[in-house]
């Protein structure tokens, strides 16, 4: 390894590579210098490799399975070599410039929620390529089945014309509710442009057929589905939204070791973040609230899954009651500053709170009728 690191400046000098090529060469060299004890090799085999002088990936570079010997079977040796070099030669991408990141951020699309105040608070809606976590108590409206419909709106209405994948861990997906939301969304779009060709395709049946539904019974099923998501998205390339409702429910039981639970959650969040970024889609996780007891103080409602989990999402929005009014609090976002806005739940989904005196009685009655607002 030391010899390789000494040779590195000479290699770069002789090749005179471009900055991107230089990065790839450096990364390749660093991969070869990786210690073998960091791989998932049995302790017995690690000991035999160390005894034979094999300490880093570079030591095995020109070695065949039969060369390893030292009490390691040829079959096991092949497995070790495959493991080491499949990991050390993974495809590496060069870093982006800050300019590229700014351009990507500015061009990122969003899924509208049909509540103008919430969309404005989020910076245009629920963004693609990021994880958005929605927390709240039961009955507050955090399920957000509506997003699975909103993401399908035609582009001419500000939608993405995408598909949705809904992972249900609680059994809270209600077919009648999604029918109401789909009908209200289509009717809403028709008020702007009643184009026969557009709505010949954008129908309730069409909307329902583009919501892919998975029901999970426990955390092992949830992890298995997330593991298979890359392959599913490869087959359904128009998926622009993944909803997990809820992320907390499968992890409420069966964990005596909370450290083990935290590690599983962290790995799951990493996988979802990578899927969101690589496929330019939105990941929405709903989370429950739990009571935090404070010594000498009043108890407090906080999002479940602990403090470490709080760093897993890019955006965290907490839904809460203030008197009889539902409020959405933007707790964390890299895009906009934190704020709190009111919203309401109608038969058509999430909407702005609009009082009669702001529209006039006749206009308000028309608005209420369109959105099936029950007062």
Protein backbone atom coordinates (compact mmCIF):
# COMPACT_ATOMS: atom_id res chain seq x y z
CA UNK A 1 0.00 0.00 0.00
CA UNK A 2 2.77 2.44 0.92
CA UNK A 3 4.50 1.75 -2.39
CA UNK A 4 1.29 2.51 -4.26
CA UNK A 5 0.74 5.79 -2.42
CA UNK A 6 4.32 6.86 -3.15
CA UNK A 7 3.84 6.05 -6.84
CA UNK A 8 0.59 8.00 -7.08
CA UNK A 9 2.13 11.49 -7.73
CA UNK A 10 4.43 9.93 -10.36
CA UNK A 11 1.47 8.28 -12.11
CA UNK A 12 -0.40 11.58 -12.27
CA UNK A 13 2.66 13.45 -13.50
CA UNK A 14 3.36 10.98 -16.30
CA UNK A 15 -0.27 10.76 -17.45
CA UNK A 16 -1.03 14.49 -17.04
CA UNK A 17 -4.73 13.68 -16.65
CA UNK A 18 -7.59 16.14 -16.65
CA UNK A 19 -9.11 16.99 -13.21
CA UNK A 20 -11.98 14.52 -13.65
CA UNK A 21 -9.61 11.73 -14.73
CA UNK A 22 -7.31 12.59 -11.83
CA UNK A 23 -10.21 12.16 -9.43
CA UNK A 24 -11.05 8.73 -10.86
CA UNK A 25 -7.42 7.59 -10.66
CA UNK A 26 -7.12 8.77 -7.07
CA UNK A 27 -10.36 7.04 -6.17
CA UNK A 28 -9.23 3.80 -7.77
CA UNK A 29 -5.96 3.92 -5.82
CA UNK A 30 -7.78 4.62 -2.57
CA UNK A 31 -10.07 1.65 -3.24
CA UNK A 32 -7.05 -0.61 -3.74
CA UNK A 33 -5.61 0.59 -0.45
CA UNK A 34 -8.76 -0.47 1.43
CA UNK A 35 -8.02 -2.92 4.24
CA UNK A 36 -9.39 -6.45 3.87
CA UNK A 37 -10.68 -6.54 7.44
CA UNK A 38 -13.37 -4.00 6.41
CA UNK A 39 -15.06 -6.58 4.15
CA UNK A 40 -17.66 -9.18 5.19
CA UNK A 41 -15.14 -12.03 5.33
CA UNK A 42 -15.32 -14.66 8.06
CA UNK A 43 -12.97 -14.18 11.01
CA UNK A 44 -11.23 -17.50 10.27
CA UNK A 45 -10.46 -16.50 6.68
CA UNK A 46 -9.37 -13.00 7.72
CA UNK A 47 -6.84 -14.52 10.09
CA UNK A 48 -5.46 -16.82 7.38
CA UNK A 49 -5.20 -13.94 4.90
CA UNK A 50 -3.31 -11.79 7.41
CA UNK A 51 -0.95 -14.67 8.19
CA UNK A 52 -0.20 -15.00 4.47
CA UNK A 53 0.50 -11.25 4.20
CA UNK A 54 -2.72 -10.20 2.46
CA UNK A 55 -3.73 -6.97 4.22
CA UNK A 56 -5.24 -4.65 1.59
CA UNK A 57 -7.04 -5.02 -1.76
CA UNK A 58 -3.83 -4.26 -3.66
CA UNK A 59 -2.23 -7.41 -2.19
CA UNK A 60 -4.86 -9.54 -3.93
CA UNK A 61 -4.82 -7.67 -7.26
CA UNK A 62 -2.88 -10.27 -9.29
CA UNK A 63 -3.79 -13.25 -7.13
CA UNK A 64 -5.80 -16.26 -8.32
CA UNK A 65 -8.05 -18.43 -6.15
CA UNK A 66 -5.52 -21.29 -6.15
CA UNK A 67 -2.73 -18.91 -5.06
CA UNK A 68 -4.41 -18.01 -1.77
CA UNK A 69 -3.95 -21.49 -0.25
CA UNK A 70 -3.22 -21.26 3.49
CA UNK A 71 -6.09 -23.61 4.31
CA UNK A 72 -8.68 -21.68 2.24
CA UNK A 73 -10.55 -23.81 -0.30
CA UNK A 74 -10.58 -22.74 -3.93
CA UNK A 75 -14.33 -22.16 -3.76
CA UNK A 76 -14.03 -19.92 -0.69
CA UNK A 77 -11.06 -18.12 -2.28
CA UNK A 78 -13.12 -17.34 -5.38
CA UNK A 79 -15.87 -15.95 -3.15
CA UNK A 80 -13.39 -13.71 -1.32
CA UNK A 81 -11.90 -12.37 -4.57
CA UNK A 82 -15.33 -11.73 -6.06
CA UNK A 83 -16.42 -9.89 -2.91
CA UNK A 84 -13.29 -7.74 -2.67
CA UNK A 85 -13.07 -6.68 -6.30
CA UNK A 86 -16.77 -6.27 -6.92
CA UNK A 87 -16.76 -3.77 -4.04
CA UNK A 88 -13.45 -2.07 -4.78
CA UNK A 89 -14.17 -1.57 -8.49
CA UNK A 90 -17.66 -0.16 -8.20
CA UNK A 91 -18.46 2.57 -10.64
CA UNK A 92 -17.32 5.95 -9.31
CA UNK A 93 -18.77 9.24 -10.45
CA UNK A 94 -16.81 12.45 -10.45
CA UNK A 95 -18.10 15.28 -8.23
CA UNK A 96 -20.43 17.96 -9.57
CA UNK A 97 -19.57 21.64 -9.43
CA UNK A 98 -21.52 24.04 -7.24
CA UNK A 99 -22.86 25.57 -10.45
CA UNK A 100 -24.30 22.18 -11.50
CA UNK A 101 -25.96 21.80 -8.10
CA UNK A 102 -27.56 25.25 -8.33
CA UNK A 103 -28.88 24.49 -11.82
CA UNK A 104 -30.32 21.17 -10.64
CA UNK A 105 -31.96 22.85 -7.65
CA UNK A 106 -33.50 25.58 -9.79
CA UNK A 107 -34.83 23.09 -12.33
CA UNK A 108 -36.30 20.71 -9.73
CA UNK A 109 -40.02 20.19 -10.21
CA UNK A 110 -42.56 19.98 -7.39
CA UNK A 111 -45.84 18.19 -6.74
CA UNK A 112 -48.57 20.67 -5.83
CA UNK A 113 -50.76 19.95 -2.82
CA UNK A 114 -53.78 22.10 -3.87
CA UNK A 115 -53.20 24.22 -0.77
CA UNK A 116 -51.52 27.39 -2.01
CA UNK A 117 -50.19 28.36 1.42
CA UNK A 118 -48.54 24.97 1.97
CA UNK A 119 -47.11 24.98 -1.57
CA UNK A 120 -45.64 28.44 -1.04
CA UNK A 121 -44.23 27.40 2.33
CA UNK A 122 -42.52 24.37 0.72
CA UNK A 123 -41.10 26.46 -2.11
CA UNK A 124 -43.58 25.40 -4.79
CA UNK A 125 -44.85 22.07 -3.48
CA UNK A 126 -43.35 18.73 -2.50
CA UNK A 127 -39.96 18.69 -4.30
CA UNK A 128 -38.54 15.85 -6.37
CA UNK A 129 -35.14 14.32 -5.50
CA UNK A 130 -35.74 14.84 -1.78
CA UNK A 131 -37.32 13.12 1.24
CA UNK A 132 -40.25 15.01 2.75
CA UNK A 133 -41.50 13.84 6.14
CA UNK A 134 -45.03 14.73 7.26
CA UNK A 135 -45.68 14.25 10.98
CA UNK A 136 -48.92 14.54 12.91
CA UNK A 137 -51.46 13.04 15.28
CA UNK A 138 -54.28 10.77 14.02
CA UNK A 139 -57.00 12.59 12.09
CA UNK A 140 -54.88 15.63 11.26
CA UNK A 141 -54.61 14.79 7.54
CA UNK A 142 -51.04 13.51 7.22
CA UNK A 143 -51.89 10.43 5.12
CA UNK A 144 -51.75 12.55 1.95
CA UNK A 145 -53.24 10.05 -0.47
CA UNK A 146 -54.01 13.19 -2.44
CA UNK A 147 -50.38 13.48 -3.57
CA UNK A 148 -50.74 10.14 -5.37
CA UNK A 149 -53.40 11.84 -7.50
CA UNK A 150 -51.78 15.29 -7.77
CA UNK A 151 -48.56 13.85 -9.25
CA UNK A 152 -50.62 12.52 -12.18
CA UNK A 153 -52.08 15.82 -13.31
CA UNK A 154 -51.27 16.65 -16.94
CA UNK A 155 -48.33 18.99 -17.45
CA UNK A 156 -50.59 21.68 -18.92
CA UNK A 157 -52.20 22.02 -15.47
CA UNK A 158 -48.85 22.27 -13.67
CA UNK A 159 -48.62 18.55 -12.94
CA UNK A 160 -45.92 16.00 -13.70
CA UNK A 161 -48.04 13.39 -15.52
CA UNK A 162 -46.29 10.80 -13.35
CA UNK A 163 -47.20 7.65 -11.47
CA UNK A 164 -47.22 7.00 -7.71
CA UNK A 165 -46.12 4.10 -5.54
CA UNK A 166 -47.97 3.81 -2.22
CA UNK A 167 -46.48 1.63 0.56
CA UNK A 168 -49.14 1.14 3.24
CA UNK A 169 -47.91 -0.11 6.62
CA UNK A 170 -51.02 0.74 8.65
CA UNK A 171 -53.85 -0.32 6.37
CA UNK A 172 -54.99 3.29 6.10
CA UNK A 173 -55.39 3.36 2.31
CA UNK A 174 -59.13 3.85 1.75
CA UNK A 175 -60.36 3.24 -1.79
CA UNK A 176 -63.50 5.39 -1.41
CA UNK A 177 -61.36 8.29 -0.24
CA UNK A 178 -59.00 8.08 -3.21
CA UNK A 179 -62.06 7.97 -5.51
CA UNK A 180 -63.37 11.22 -3.98
CA UNK A 181 -59.97 12.90 -4.34
CA UNK A 182 -59.53 11.74 -7.94
CA UNK A 183 -62.98 13.01 -8.92
CA UNK A 184 -62.42 16.37 -7.20
CA UNK A 185 -59.01 16.78 -8.88
CA UNK A 186 -60.39 16.06 -12.35
CA UNK A 187 -63.35 18.42 -11.78
CA UNK A 188 -60.95 21.10 -10.53
CA UNK A 189 -58.82 20.81 -13.69
CA UNK A 190 -61.93 21.05 -15.86
CA UNK A 191 -62.72 24.48 -14.39
CA UNK A 192 -59.54 25.79 -16.03
CA UNK A 193 -59.67 23.98 -19.38
CA UNK A 194 -62.46 21.67 -20.43
CA UNK A 195 -60.53 20.05 -23.27
CA UNK A 196 -62.18 16.88 -24.53
CA UNK A 197 -58.94 15.23 -25.71
CA UNK A 198 -57.20 15.84 -22.36
CA UNK A 199 -60.01 14.44 -20.22
CA UNK A 200 -60.63 11.51 -22.54
CA UNK A 201 -57.47 10.05 -20.98
CA UNK A 202 -57.35 11.81 -17.56
CA UNK A 203 -60.20 9.82 -16.01
CA UNK A 204 -60.79 8.24 -12.61
CA UNK A 205 -59.96 4.77 -13.95
CA UNK A 206 -56.75 6.11 -15.49
CA UNK A 207 -55.72 7.77 -12.21
CA UNK A 208 -56.37 4.64 -10.13
CA UNK A 209 -54.46 2.43 -12.58
CA UNK A 210 -51.32 4.53 -12.07
CA UNK A 211 -51.21 4.19 -8.28
CA UNK A 212 -49.10 1.13 -7.45
CA UNK A 213 -50.09 -0.19 -4.04
CA UNK A 214 -48.07 -2.34 -1.62
CA UNK A 215 -49.33 -3.53 1.76
CA UNK A 216 -46.66 -4.24 4.42
CA UNK A 217 -47.37 -6.25 7.55
CA UNK A 218 -44.06 -5.65 9.37
CA UNK A 219 -40.68 -3.97 9.05
CA UNK A 220 -39.07 -6.93 7.26
CA UNK A 221 -41.60 -6.63 4.42
CA UNK A 222 -41.01 -2.87 4.29
CA UNK A 223 -37.25 -3.33 4.02
CA UNK A 224 -37.71 -6.01 1.34
CA UNK A 225 -39.90 -3.71 -0.77
CA UNK A 226 -37.45 -0.81 -0.47
CA UNK A 227 -34.64 -3.17 -1.49
CA UNK A 228 -36.61 -4.06 -4.65
CA UNK A 229 -37.58 -0.46 -5.51
CA UNK A 230 -34.70 0.18 -7.98
CA UNK A 231 -35.80 -2.77 -10.10
CA UNK A 232 -39.48 -1.75 -9.87
CA UNK A 233 -38.71 1.84 -10.88
CA UNK A 234 -36.60 0.55 -13.77
CA UNK A 235 -39.72 -1.26 -15.02
CA UNK A 236 -42.00 1.73 -14.25
CA UNK A 237 -39.81 4.67 -15.22
CA UNK A 238 -42.64 7.21 -14.94
CA UNK A 239 -42.94 6.83 -11.15
CA UNK A 240 -42.42 10.32 -9.69
CA UNK A 241 -43.63 9.75 -6.12
CA UNK A 242 -43.10 7.15 -3.40
CA UNK A 243 -45.26 7.38 -0.26
CA UNK A 244 -44.57 5.34 2.87
CA UNK A 245 -47.55 5.61 5.23
CA UNK A 246 -46.39 5.39 7.91
CA UNK A 247 -42.69 4.89 8.46
CA UNK A 248 -43.05 4.63 12.24
CA UNK A 249 -45.72 1.95 12.53
CA UNK A 250 -43.61 -1.15 11.60
CA UNK A 251 -40.88 -0.10 14.05
CA UNK A 252 -43.07 0.34 17.14
CA UNK A 253 -42.63 -3.27 18.25
CA UNK A 254 -40.17 -6.18 18.01
CA UNK A 255 -37.14 -4.08 18.94
CA UNK A 256 -35.59 -4.61 22.36
CA UNK A 257 -32.33 -3.10 21.09
CA UNK A 258 -33.08 0.49 20.03
CA UNK A 259 -29.55 0.89 18.67
CA UNK A 260 -30.28 -1.93 16.24
CA UNK A 261 -33.52 -0.20 15.21
CA UNK A 262 -31.67 3.07 14.64
CA UNK A 263 -29.12 1.36 12.39
CA UNK A 264 -31.89 -0.23 10.29
CA UNK A 265 -33.75 3.08 9.99
CA UNK A 266 -30.58 4.94 9.00
CA UNK A 267 -29.78 2.41 6.28
CA UNK A 268 -33.37 2.53 5.02
CA UNK A 269 -33.27 6.33 4.83
CA UNK A 270 -29.98 6.18 2.91
CA UNK A 271 -31.53 3.82 0.36
CA UNK A 272 -34.61 6.03 -0.06
CA UNK A 273 -32.45 9.15 -0.41
CA UNK A 274 -30.37 7.49 -3.12
CA UNK A 275 -33.51 6.32 -4.96
CA UNK A 276 -34.99 9.84 -4.81
CA UNK A 277 -31.81 11.46 -6.12
CA UNK A 278 -30.93 8.96 -8.85
CA UNK A 279 -34.47 8.76 -10.23
CA UNK A 280 -35.51 12.39 -9.68
CA UNK A 281 -38.63 11.47 -7.75
CA UNK A 282 -40.19 12.60 -4.48
CA UNK A 283 -40.22 10.40 -1.38
CA UNK A 284 -42.90 11.28 1.19
CA UNK A 285 -42.81 9.60 4.59
CA UNK A 286 -45.60 10.05 7.12
CA UNK A 287 -44.67 9.78 10.78
CA UNK A 288 -46.62 9.52 14.00
CA UNK A 289 -46.26 11.65 17.10
CA UNK A 290 -45.21 10.37 20.49
CA UNK A 291 -45.22 11.87 23.97
CA UNK A 292 -41.91 12.99 25.46
CA UNK A 293 -41.90 13.17 29.25
CA UNK A 294 -39.75 15.99 30.64
CA UNK A 295 -38.62 16.01 34.25
CA UNK A 296 -40.32 18.82 36.11
CA UNK A 297 -42.03 20.10 32.96
CA UNK A 298 -45.16 19.40 30.95
CA UNK A 299 -45.06 16.50 28.50
CA UNK A 300 -44.51 17.33 24.83
CA UNK A 301 -45.66 15.78 21.55
CA UNK A 302 -42.74 15.08 19.23
CA UNK A 303 -42.27 13.04 16.02
CA UNK A 304 -41.66 9.33 16.63
CA UNK A 305 -38.47 7.30 15.99
CA UNK A 306 -36.07 9.44 18.01
CA UNK A 307 -33.63 12.28 17.47
CA UNK A 308 -31.31 10.44 15.07
CA UNK A 309 -34.19 9.83 12.66
CA UNK A 310 -34.88 13.58 12.54
CA UNK A 311 -31.80 13.99 10.33
CA UNK A 312 -33.03 11.45 7.75
CA UNK A 313 -35.46 13.68 5.86
CA UNK A 314 -34.60 16.77 3.83
CA UNK A 315 -37.85 18.50 4.74
CA UNK A 316 -39.95 17.93 7.86
CA UNK A 317 -43.47 19.33 8.17
CA UNK A 318 -45.46 18.90 11.38
CA UNK A 319 -49.25 19.08 11.26
CA UNK A 320 -50.99 20.16 14.45
CA UNK A 321 -54.16 21.62 15.90
CA UNK A 322 -54.41 25.21 17.10
CA UNK A 323 -57.85 25.33 18.65
CA UNK A 324 -60.15 24.03 15.92
CA UNK A 325 -57.85 25.02 13.06
CA UNK A 326 -55.39 22.66 11.38
CA UNK A 327 -51.93 24.19 11.06
CA UNK A 328 -48.90 23.06 9.01
CA UNK A 329 -45.54 23.93 10.58
CA UNK A 330 -42.44 23.78 8.40
CA UNK A 331 -39.99 22.50 10.98
CA UNK A 332 -37.01 21.91 8.67
CA UNK A 333 -36.20 22.86 5.08
CA UNK A 334 -33.04 23.82 3.17
CA UNK A 335 -35.12 25.88 0.75
CA UNK A 336 -37.40 28.19 2.76
CA UNK A 337 -37.52 29.50 6.29
CA UNK A 338 -39.73 27.90 8.92
CA UNK A 339 -43.30 29.13 9.16
CA UNK A 340 -46.80 27.99 10.07
CA UNK A 341 -49.85 28.18 7.79
CA UNK A 342 -53.51 27.07 8.15
CA UNK A 343 -55.15 24.44 5.95
CA UNK A 344 -58.33 22.38 5.88
CA UNK A 345 -59.36 18.89 4.82
CA UNK A 346 -62.26 18.71 2.36
CA UNK A 347 -63.86 15.89 0.42
CA UNK A 348 -61.46 16.81 -2.36
CA UNK A 349 -58.36 16.71 -0.14
CA UNK A 350 -56.13 19.43 1.32
CA UNK A 351 -57.21 23.01 0.61
CA UNK A 352 -56.61 26.56 1.80
CA UNK A 353 -58.73 27.94 4.60
CA UNK A 354 -61.01 30.50 2.95
CA UNK A 355 -63.62 32.36 4.97
CA UNK A 356 -66.86 33.79 3.50
CA UNK A 357 -65.87 37.40 4.21
CA UNK A 358 -62.77 37.10 1.98
CA UNK A 359 -64.68 35.99 -1.13
CA UNK A 360 -68.17 37.26 -0.65
CA UNK A 361 -71.05 34.97 0.21
CA UNK A 362 -71.92 33.88 -3.36
CA UNK A 363 -68.34 33.14 -4.41
CA UNK A 364 -67.71 31.28 -1.17
CA UNK A 365 -70.80 29.09 -1.69
CA UNK A 366 -69.54 28.23 -5.18
CA UNK A 367 -66.07 27.45 -3.79
CA UNK A 368 -67.55 25.30 -1.00
CA UNK A 369 -69.76 23.41 -3.43
CA UNK A 370 -66.81 22.70 -5.79
CA UNK A 371 -64.66 21.37 -2.97
CA UNK A 372 -67.41 19.67 -0.94
CA UNK A 373 -66.49 21.63 2.17
CA UNK A 374 -68.42 20.44 5.20
CA UNK A 375 -68.66 23.07 7.93
